[in-house]
Amino acid sequence: MIKLHNAGVGSVVTVQELASAGILRERMLALGLTKGAKVEVIRKGPSGDPTLFNIRGAMIALRNEESSLVTVQI
């Protein structure tokens, strides 16, 4: 298992765990980052941050500090 921010562009991963708490956890769950959700890495920003993800059909940009809280399986 790896952190979401380490997943390569073009890969599709499965969410295993969220390490966030409070408001940030609620926001991530509302975006569809629930256990078992498939996430596709679309592209990274010019400096590698933020990264654009396809989460359940929605394009979502997350900063590395946010995506590093998501454990995924390739």
PDB file of N, CA and C in Angstrom:
ATOM      1  N   MET A   1       0.838  -1.182   0.000  1.00  0.00           N
ATOM      2  CA  MET A   1       0.000   0.000   0.000  1.00  0.00           C
ATOM      3  C   MET A   1       0.880   1.241   0.000  1.00  0.00           C
ATOM      4  N   ILE A   2       0.388   2.267  -0.667  1.00  0.00           N
ATOM      5  CA  ILE A   2       1.127   3.525  -0.769  1.00  0.00           C
ATOM      6  C   ILE A   2       0.195   4.690  -0.442  1.00  0.00           C
ATOM      7  N   LYS A   3       0.757   5.872  -0.355  1.00  0.00           N
ATOM      8  CA  LYS A   3      -0.039   7.079  -0.166  1.00  0.00           C
ATOM      9  C   LYS A   3      -0.501   7.578  -1.536  1.00  0.00           C
ATOM     10  N   LEU A   4      -1.651   8.203  -1.588  1.00  0.00           N
ATOM     11  CA  LEU A   4      -2.240   8.646  -2.848  1.00  0.00           C
ATOM     12  C   LEU A   4      -1.313   9.591  -3.611  1.00  0.00           C
ATOM     13  N   HIS A   5      -0.591  10.460  -2.916  1.00  0.00           N
ATOM     14  CA  HIS A   5       0.273  11.414  -3.628  1.00  0.00           C
ATOM     15  C   HIS A   5       1.463  10.730  -4.308  1.00  0.00           C
ATOM     16  N   ASN A   6       1.747   9.462  -3.980  1.00  0.00           N
ATOM     17  CA  ASN A   6       2.833   8.715  -4.609  1.00  0.00           C
ATOM     18  C   ASN A   6       2.376   7.918  -5.827  1.00  0.00           C
ATOM     19  N   ALA A   7       1.078   7.863  -6.080  1.00  0.00           N
ATOM     20  CA  ALA A   7       0.557   7.121  -7.232  1.00  0.00           C
ATOM     21  C   ALA A   7       0.918   7.857  -8.520  1.00  0.00           C
ATOM     22  N   GLY A   8       1.325   7.112  -9.532  1.00  0.00           N
ATOM     23  CA  GLY A   8       1.750   7.704 -10.792  1.00  0.00           C
ATOM     24  C   GLY A   8       0.581   8.147 -11.656  1.00  0.00           C
ATOM     25  N   VAL A   9       0.845   9.119 -12.514  1.00  0.00           N
ATOM     26  CA  VAL A   9      -0.165   9.618 -13.445  1.00  0.00           C
ATOM     27  C   VAL A   9      -0.637   8.462 -14.328  1.00  0.00           C
ATOM     28  N   GLY A  10      -1.944   8.342 -14.490  1.00  0.00           N
ATOM     29  CA  GLY A  10      -2.529   7.281 -15.298  1.00  0.00           C
ATOM     30  C   GLY A  10      -2.906   6.045 -14.512  1.00  0.00           C
ATOM     31  N   SER A  11      -2.469   5.949 -13.269  1.00  0.00           N
ATOM     32  CA  SER A  11      -2.793   4.756 -12.482  1.00  0.00           C
ATOM     33  C   SER A  11      -4.174   4.869 -11.848  1.00  0.00           C
ATOM     34  N   VAL A  12      -4.782   3.729 -11.636  1.00  0.00           N
ATOM     35  CA  VAL A  12      -6.069   3.649 -10.939  1.00  0.00           C
ATOM     36  C   VAL A  12      -5.824   2.874  -9.652  1.00  0.00           C
ATOM     37  N   VAL A  13      -6.166   3.490  -8.530  1.00  0.00           N
ATOM     38  CA  VAL A  13      -5.899   2.901  -7.221  1.00  0.00           C
ATOM     39  C   VAL A  13      -7.204   2.781  -6.434  1.00  0.00           C
ATOM     40  N   THR A  14      -7.170   1.991  -5.366  1.00  0.00           N
ATOM     41  CA  THR A  14      -8.332   1.784  -4.507  1.00  0.00           C
ATOM     42  C   THR A  14      -8.040   2.340  -3.125  1.00  0.00           C
ATOM     43  N   VAL A  15      -8.942   3.166  -2.618  1.00  0.00           N
ATOM     44  CA  VAL A  15      -8.775   3.767  -1.291  1.00  0.00           C
ATOM     45  C   VAL A  15      -8.880   2.688  -0.222  1.00  0.00           C
ATOM     46  N   GLN A  16      -7.923   2.674   0.710  1.00  0.00           N
ATOM     47  CA  GLN A  16      -7.914   1.725   1.817  1.00  0.00           C
ATOM     48  C   GLN A  16      -8.216   2.402   3.151  1.00  0.00           C
ATOM     49  N   GLU A  17      -7.668   3.622   3.355  1.00  0.00           N
ATOM     50  CA  GLU A  17      -7.807   4.262   4.664  1.00  0.00           C
ATOM     51  C   GLU A  17      -7.581   5.758   4.549  1.00  0.00           C
ATOM     52  N   LEU A  18      -8.276   6.517   5.409  1.00  0.00           N
ATOM     53  CA  LEU A  18      -8.072   7.962   5.530  1.00  0.00           C
ATOM     54  C   LEU A  18      -7.440   8.248   6.883  1.00  0.00           C
ATOM     55  N   ALA A  19      -6.371   9.028   6.892  1.00  0.00           N
ATOM     56  CA  ALA A  19      -5.708   9.362   8.158  1.00  0.00           C
ATOM     57  C   ALA A  19      -6.086  10.764   8.633  1.00  0.00           C
ATOM     58  N   SER A  20      -7.024  11.407   7.961  1.00  0.00           N
ATOM     59  CA  SER A  20      -7.424  12.761   8.340  1.00  0.00           C
ATOM     60  C   SER A  20      -8.493  12.717   9.431  1.00  0.00           C
ATOM     61  N   ALA A  21      -8.723  13.885  10.040  1.00  0.00           N
ATOM     62  CA  ALA A  21      -9.725  13.985  11.102  1.00  0.00           C
ATOM     63  C   ALA A  21     -10.491  15.297  10.956  1.00  0.00           C
ATOM     64  N   GLY A  22     -11.610  15.375  11.651  1.00  0.00           N
ATOM     65  CA  GLY A  22     -12.377  16.604  11.717  1.00  0.00           C
ATOM     66  C   GLY A  22     -12.969  17.037  10.382  1.00  0.00           C
ATOM     67  N   ILE A  23     -12.907  18.341  10.134  1.00  0.00           N
ATOM     68  CA  ILE A  23     -13.494  18.936   8.935  1.00  0.00           C
ATOM     69  C   ILE A  23     -12.847  18.386   7.668  1.00  0.00           C
ATOM     70  N   LEU A  24     -11.525  18.208   7.673  1.00  0.00           N
ATOM     71  CA  LEU A  24     -10.844  17.680   6.491  1.00  0.00           C
ATOM     72  C   LEU A  24     -11.329  16.268   6.176  1.00  0.00           C
ATOM     73  N   ARG A  25     -11.530  15.450   7.187  1.00  0.00           N
ATOM     74  CA  ARG A  25     -12.043  14.083   6.969  1.00  0.00           C
ATOM     75  C   ARG A  25     -13.438  14.130   6.356  1.00  0.00           C
ATOM     76  N   GLU A  26     -14.284  14.992   6.886  1.00  0.00           N
ATOM     77  CA  GLU A  26     -15.640  15.125   6.353  1.00  0.00           C
ATOM     78  C   GLU A  26     -15.609  15.569   4.895  1.00  0.00           C
ATOM     79  N   ARG A  27     -14.720  16.507   4.567  1.00  0.00           N
ATOM     80  CA  ARG A  27     -14.608  16.992   3.191  1.00  0.00           C
ATOM     81  C   ARG A  27     -14.159  15.874   2.259  1.00  0.00           C
ATOM     82  N   MET A  28     -13.161  15.102   2.687  1.00  0.00           N
ATOM     83  CA  MET A  28     -12.658  14.011   1.847  1.00  0.00           C
ATOM     84  C   MET A  28     -13.725  12.937   1.637  1.00  0.00           C
ATOM     85  N   LEU A  29     -14.472  12.623   2.674  1.00  0.00           N
ATOM     86  CA  LEU A  29     -15.550  11.649   2.538  1.00  0.00           C
ATOM     87  C   LEU A  29     -16.629  12.175   1.595  1.00  0.00           C
ATOM     88  N   ALA A  30     -16.935  13.478   1.683  1.00  0.00           N
ATOM     89  CA  ALA A  30     -17.933  14.086   0.804  1.00  0.00           C
ATOM     90  C   ALA A  30     -17.474  14.075  -0.656  1.00  0.00           C
ATOM     91  N   LEU A  31     -16.154  14.129  -0.880  1.00  0.00           N
ATOM     92  CA  LEU A  31     -15.613  14.082  -2.236  1.00  0.00           C
ATOM     93  C   LEU A  31     -15.627  12.665  -2.810  1.00  0.00           C
ATOM     94  N   GLY A  32     -15.927  11.684  -1.980  1.00  0.00           N
ATOM     95  CA  GLY A  32     -16.003  10.305  -2.452  1.00  0.00           C
ATOM     96  C   GLY A  32     -14.811   9.451  -2.085  1.00  0.00           C
ATOM     97  N   LEU A  33     -13.921   9.961  -1.250  1.00  0.00           N
ATOM     98  CA  LEU A  33     -12.746   9.187  -0.830  1.00  0.00           C
ATOM     99  C   LEU A  33     -13.105   8.253   0.313  1.00  0.00           C
ATOM    100  N   THR A  34     -13.930   7.270   0.004  1.00  0.00           N
ATOM    101  CA  THR A  34     -14.350   6.276   0.985  1.00  0.00           C
ATOM    102  C   THR A  34     -13.633   4.966   0.704  1.00  0.00           C
ATOM    103  N   LYS A  35     -13.576   4.093   1.694  1.00  0.00           N
ATOM    104  CA  LYS A  35     -12.878   2.818   1.532  1.00  0.00           C
ATOM    105  C   LYS A  35     -13.465   2.046   0.352  1.00  0.00           C
ATOM    106  N   GLY A  36     -12.592   1.584  -0.521  1.00  0.00           N
ATOM    107  CA  GLY A  36     -13.010   0.828  -1.693  1.00  0.00           C
ATOM    108  C   GLY A  36     -13.238   1.657  -2.941  1.00  0.00           C
ATOM    109  N   ALA A  37     -13.220   2.987  -2.815  1.00  0.00           N
ATOM    110  CA  ALA A  37     -13.447   3.856  -3.972  1.00  0.00           C
ATOM    111  C   ALA A  37     -12.258   3.781  -4.930  1.00  0.00           C
ATOM    112  N   LYS A  38     -12.547   3.774  -6.220  1.00  0.00           N
ATOM    113  CA  LYS A  38     -11.506   3.789  -7.251  1.00  0.00           C
ATOM    114  C   LYS A  38     -11.149   5.239  -7.560  1.00  0.00           C
ATOM    115  N   VAL A  39      -9.852   5.517  -7.618  1.00  0.00           N
ATOM    116  CA  VAL A  39      -9.363   6.860  -7.899  1.00  0.00           C
ATOM    117  C   VAL A  39      -8.353   6.773  -9.043  1.00  0.00           C
ATOM    118  N   GLU A  40      -8.555   7.592 -10.067  1.00  0.00           N
ATOM    119  CA  GLU A  40      -7.624   7.648 -11.192  1.00  0.00           C
ATOM    120  C   GLU A  40      -6.800   8.927 -11.094  1.00  0.00           C
ATOM    121  N   VAL A  41      -5.482   8.800 -11.250  1.00  0.00           N
ATOM    122  CA  VAL A  41      -4.602   9.969 -11.225  1.00  0.00           C
ATOM    123  C   VAL A  41      -4.563  10.529 -12.652  1.00  0.00           C
ATOM    124  N   ILE A  42      -5.069  11.743 -12.836  1.00  0.00           N
ATOM    125  CA  ILE A  42      -5.171  12.347 -14.166  1.00  0.00           C
ATOM    126  C   ILE A  42      -3.886  13.079 -14.540  1.00  0.00           C
ATOM    127  N   ARG A  43      -3.471  14.026 -13.714  1.00  0.00           N
ATOM    128  CA  ARG A  43      -2.226  14.749 -13.979  1.00  0.00           C
ATOM    129  C   ARG A  43      -1.780  15.514 -12.746  1.00  0.00           C
ATOM    130  N   LYS A  44      -0.498  15.855 -12.762  1.00  0.00           N
ATOM    131  CA  LYS A  44       0.086  16.632 -11.668  1.00  0.00           C
ATOM    132  C   LYS A  44       0.329  18.054 -12.155  1.00  0.00           C
ATOM    133  N   GLY A  45       0.289  19.007 -11.235  1.00  0.00           N
ATOM    134  CA  GLY A  45       0.543  20.405 -11.568  1.00  0.00           C
ATOM    135  C   GLY A  45       1.993  20.589 -12.000  1.00  0.00           C
ATOM    136  N   PRO A  46       2.320  21.778 -12.518  1.00  0.00           N
ATOM    137  CA  PRO A  46       3.669  22.048 -13.034  1.00  0.00           C
ATOM    138  C   PRO A  46       4.791  21.769 -12.027  1.00  0.00           C
ATOM    139  N   SER A  47       4.546  22.051 -10.769  1.00  0.00           N
ATOM    140  CA  SER A  47       5.567  21.802  -9.753  1.00  0.00           C
ATOM    141  C   SER A  47       5.280  20.509  -8.985  1.00  0.00           C
ATOM    142  N   GLY A  48       4.324  19.707  -9.500  1.00  0.00           N
ATOM    143  CA  GLY A  48       3.967  18.463  -8.827  1.00  0.00           C
ATOM    144  C   GLY A  48       2.851  18.614  -7.810  1.00  0.00           C
ATOM    145  N   ASP A  49       2.335  19.825  -7.685  1.00  0.00           N
ATOM    146  CA  ASP A  49       1.286  20.091  -6.705  1.00  0.00           C
ATOM    147  C   ASP A  49       0.387  21.192  -7.248  1.00  0.00           C
ATOM    148  N   PRO A  50      -0.919  21.101  -7.266  1.00  0.00           N
ATOM    149  CA  PRO A  50      -1.743  19.985  -6.823  1.00  0.00           C
ATOM    150  C   PRO A  50      -1.817  18.884  -7.883  1.00  0.00           C
ATOM    151  N   THR A  51      -2.506  17.809  -7.545  1.00  0.00           N
ATOM    152  CA  THR A  51      -2.712  16.696  -8.468  1.00  0.00           C
ATOM    153  C   THR A  51      -4.203  16.582  -8.751  1.00  0.00           C
ATOM    154  N   LEU A  52      -4.530  16.323 -10.008  1.00  0.00           N
ATOM    155  CA  LEU A  52      -5.920  16.177 -10.425  1.00  0.00           C
ATOM    156  C   LEU A  52      -6.294  14.699 -10.422  1.00  0.00           C
ATOM    157  N   PHE A  53      -7.393  14.372  -9.747  1.00  0.00           N
ATOM    158  CA  PHE A  53      -7.874  12.997  -9.632  1.00  0.00           C
ATOM    159  C   PHE A  53      -9.282  12.880 -10.179  1.00  0.00           C
ATOM    160  N   ASN A  54      -9.604  11.703 -10.710  1.00  0.00           N
ATOM    161  CA  ASN A  54     -10.976  11.374 -11.081  1.00  0.00           C
ATOM    162  C   ASN A  54     -11.506  10.471  -9.978  1.00  0.00           C
ATOM    163  N   ILE A  55     -12.431  11.013  -9.184  1.00  0.00           N
ATOM    164  CA  ILE A  55     -13.006  10.277  -8.070  1.00  0.00           C
ATOM    165  C   ILE A  55     -14.498  10.118  -8.333  1.00  0.00           C
ATOM    166  N   ARG A  56     -14.908   8.897  -8.667  1.00  0.00           N
ATOM    167  CA  ARG A  56     -16.317   8.595  -8.937  1.00  0.00           C
ATOM    168  C   ARG A  56     -16.920   9.518  -9.990  1.00  0.00           C
ATOM    169  N   GLY A  57     -16.139   9.818 -11.033  1.00  0.00           N
ATOM    170  CA  GLY A  57     -16.625  10.627 -12.137  1.00  0.00           C
ATOM    171  C   GLY A  57     -16.438  12.118 -11.978  1.00  0.00           C
ATOM    172  N   ALA A  58     -15.953  12.572 -10.839  1.00  0.00           N
ATOM    173  CA  ALA A  58     -15.721  13.997 -10.607  1.00  0.00           C
ATOM    174  C   ALA A  58     -14.220  14.282 -10.636  1.00  0.00           C
ATOM    175  N   MET A  59     -13.839  15.372 -11.281  1.00  0.00           N
ATOM    176  CA  MET A  59     -12.436  15.787 -11.312  1.00  0.00           C
ATOM    177  C   MET A  59     -12.156  16.642 -10.076  1.00  0.00           C
ATOM    178  N   ILE A  60     -11.256  16.153  -9.228  1.00  0.00           N
ATOM    179  CA  ILE A  60     -10.940  16.811  -7.960  1.00  0.00           C
ATOM    180  C   ILE A  60      -9.437  17.063  -7.878  1.00  0.00           C
ATOM    181  N   ALA A  61      -9.051  18.297  -7.547  1.00  0.00           N
ATOM    182  CA  ALA A  61      -7.634  18.627  -7.343  1.00  0.00           C
ATOM    183  C   ALA A  61      -7.356  18.621  -5.846  1.00  0.00           C
ATOM    184  N   LEU A  62      -6.327  17.877  -5.453  1.00  0.00           N
ATOM    185  CA  LEU A  62      -5.908  17.825  -4.051  1.00  0.00           C
ATOM    186  C   LEU A  62      -4.445  18.205  -3.940  1.00  0.00           C
ATOM    187  N   ARG A  63      -4.111  18.950  -2.897  1.00  0.00           N
ATOM    188  CA  ARG A  63      -2.708  19.260  -2.618  1.00  0.00           C
ATOM    189  C   ARG A  63      -2.031  18.022  -2.066  1.00  0.00           C
ATOM    190  N   ASN A  64      -0.705  17.986  -2.171  1.00  0.00           N
ATOM    191  CA  ASN A  64       0.051  16.826  -1.674  1.00  0.00           C
ATOM    192  C   ASN A  64      -0.168  16.600  -0.183  1.00  0.00           C
ATOM    193  N   GLU A  65      -0.307  17.675   0.581  1.00  0.00           N
ATOM    194  CA  GLU A  65      -0.518  17.509   2.024  1.00  0.00           C
ATOM    195  C   GLU A  65      -1.856  16.825   2.315  1.00  0.00           C
ATOM    196  N   GLU A  66      -2.839  16.984   1.439  1.00  0.00           N
ATOM    197  CA  GLU A  66      -4.122  16.307   1.605  1.00  0.00           C
ATOM    198  C   GLU A  66      -4.057  14.866   1.105  1.00  0.00           C
ATOM    199  N   SER A  67      -3.495  14.685  -0.094  1.00  0.00           N
ATOM    200  CA  SER A  67      -3.464  13.334  -0.680  1.00  0.00           C
ATOM    201  C   SER A  67      -2.487  12.407   0.054  1.00  0.00           C
ATOM    202  N   SER A  68      -1.578  12.977   0.844  1.00  0.00           N
ATOM    203  CA  SER A  68      -0.663  12.124   1.611  1.00  0.00           C
ATOM    204  C   SER A  68      -1.370  11.479   2.807  1.00  0.00           C
ATOM    205  N   LEU A  69      -2.580  11.897   3.092  1.00  0.00           N
ATOM    206  CA  LEU A  69      -3.358  11.332   4.208  1.00  0.00           C
ATOM    207  C   LEU A  69      -4.218  10.148   3.770  1.00  0.00           C
ATOM    208  N   VAL A  70      -4.179   9.835   2.473  1.00  0.00           N
ATOM    209  CA  VAL A  70      -5.006   8.747   1.922  1.00  0.00           C
ATOM    210  C   VAL A  70      -4.120   7.564   1.580  1.00  0.00           C
ATOM    211  N   THR A  71      -4.367   6.422   2.193  1.00  0.00           N
ATOM    212  CA  THR A  71      -3.643   5.185   1.880  1.00  0.00           C
ATOM    213  C   THR A  71      -4.417   4.447   0.812  1.00  0.00           C
ATOM    214  N   VAL A  72      -3.697   4.033  -0.251  1.00  0.00           N
ATOM    215  CA  VAL A  72      -4.347   3.356  -1.369  1.00  0.00           C
ATOM    216  C   VAL A  72      -3.604   2.067  -1.724  1.00  0.00           C
ATOM    217  N   GLN A  73      -4.280   1.240  -2.506  1.00  0.00           N
ATOM    218  CA  GLN A  73      -3.676   0.003  -3.006  1.00  0.00           C
ATOM    219  C   GLN A  73      -3.744   0.039  -4.525  1.00  0.00           C
ATOM    220  N   ILE A  74      -2.640  -0.346  -5.158  1.00  0.00           N
ATOM    221  CA  ILE A  74      -2.573  -0.325  -6.623  1.00  0.00           C
ATOM    222  C   ILE A  74      -3.263  -1.551  -7.181  1.00  0.00           C
TER     223      ILE A  74
END
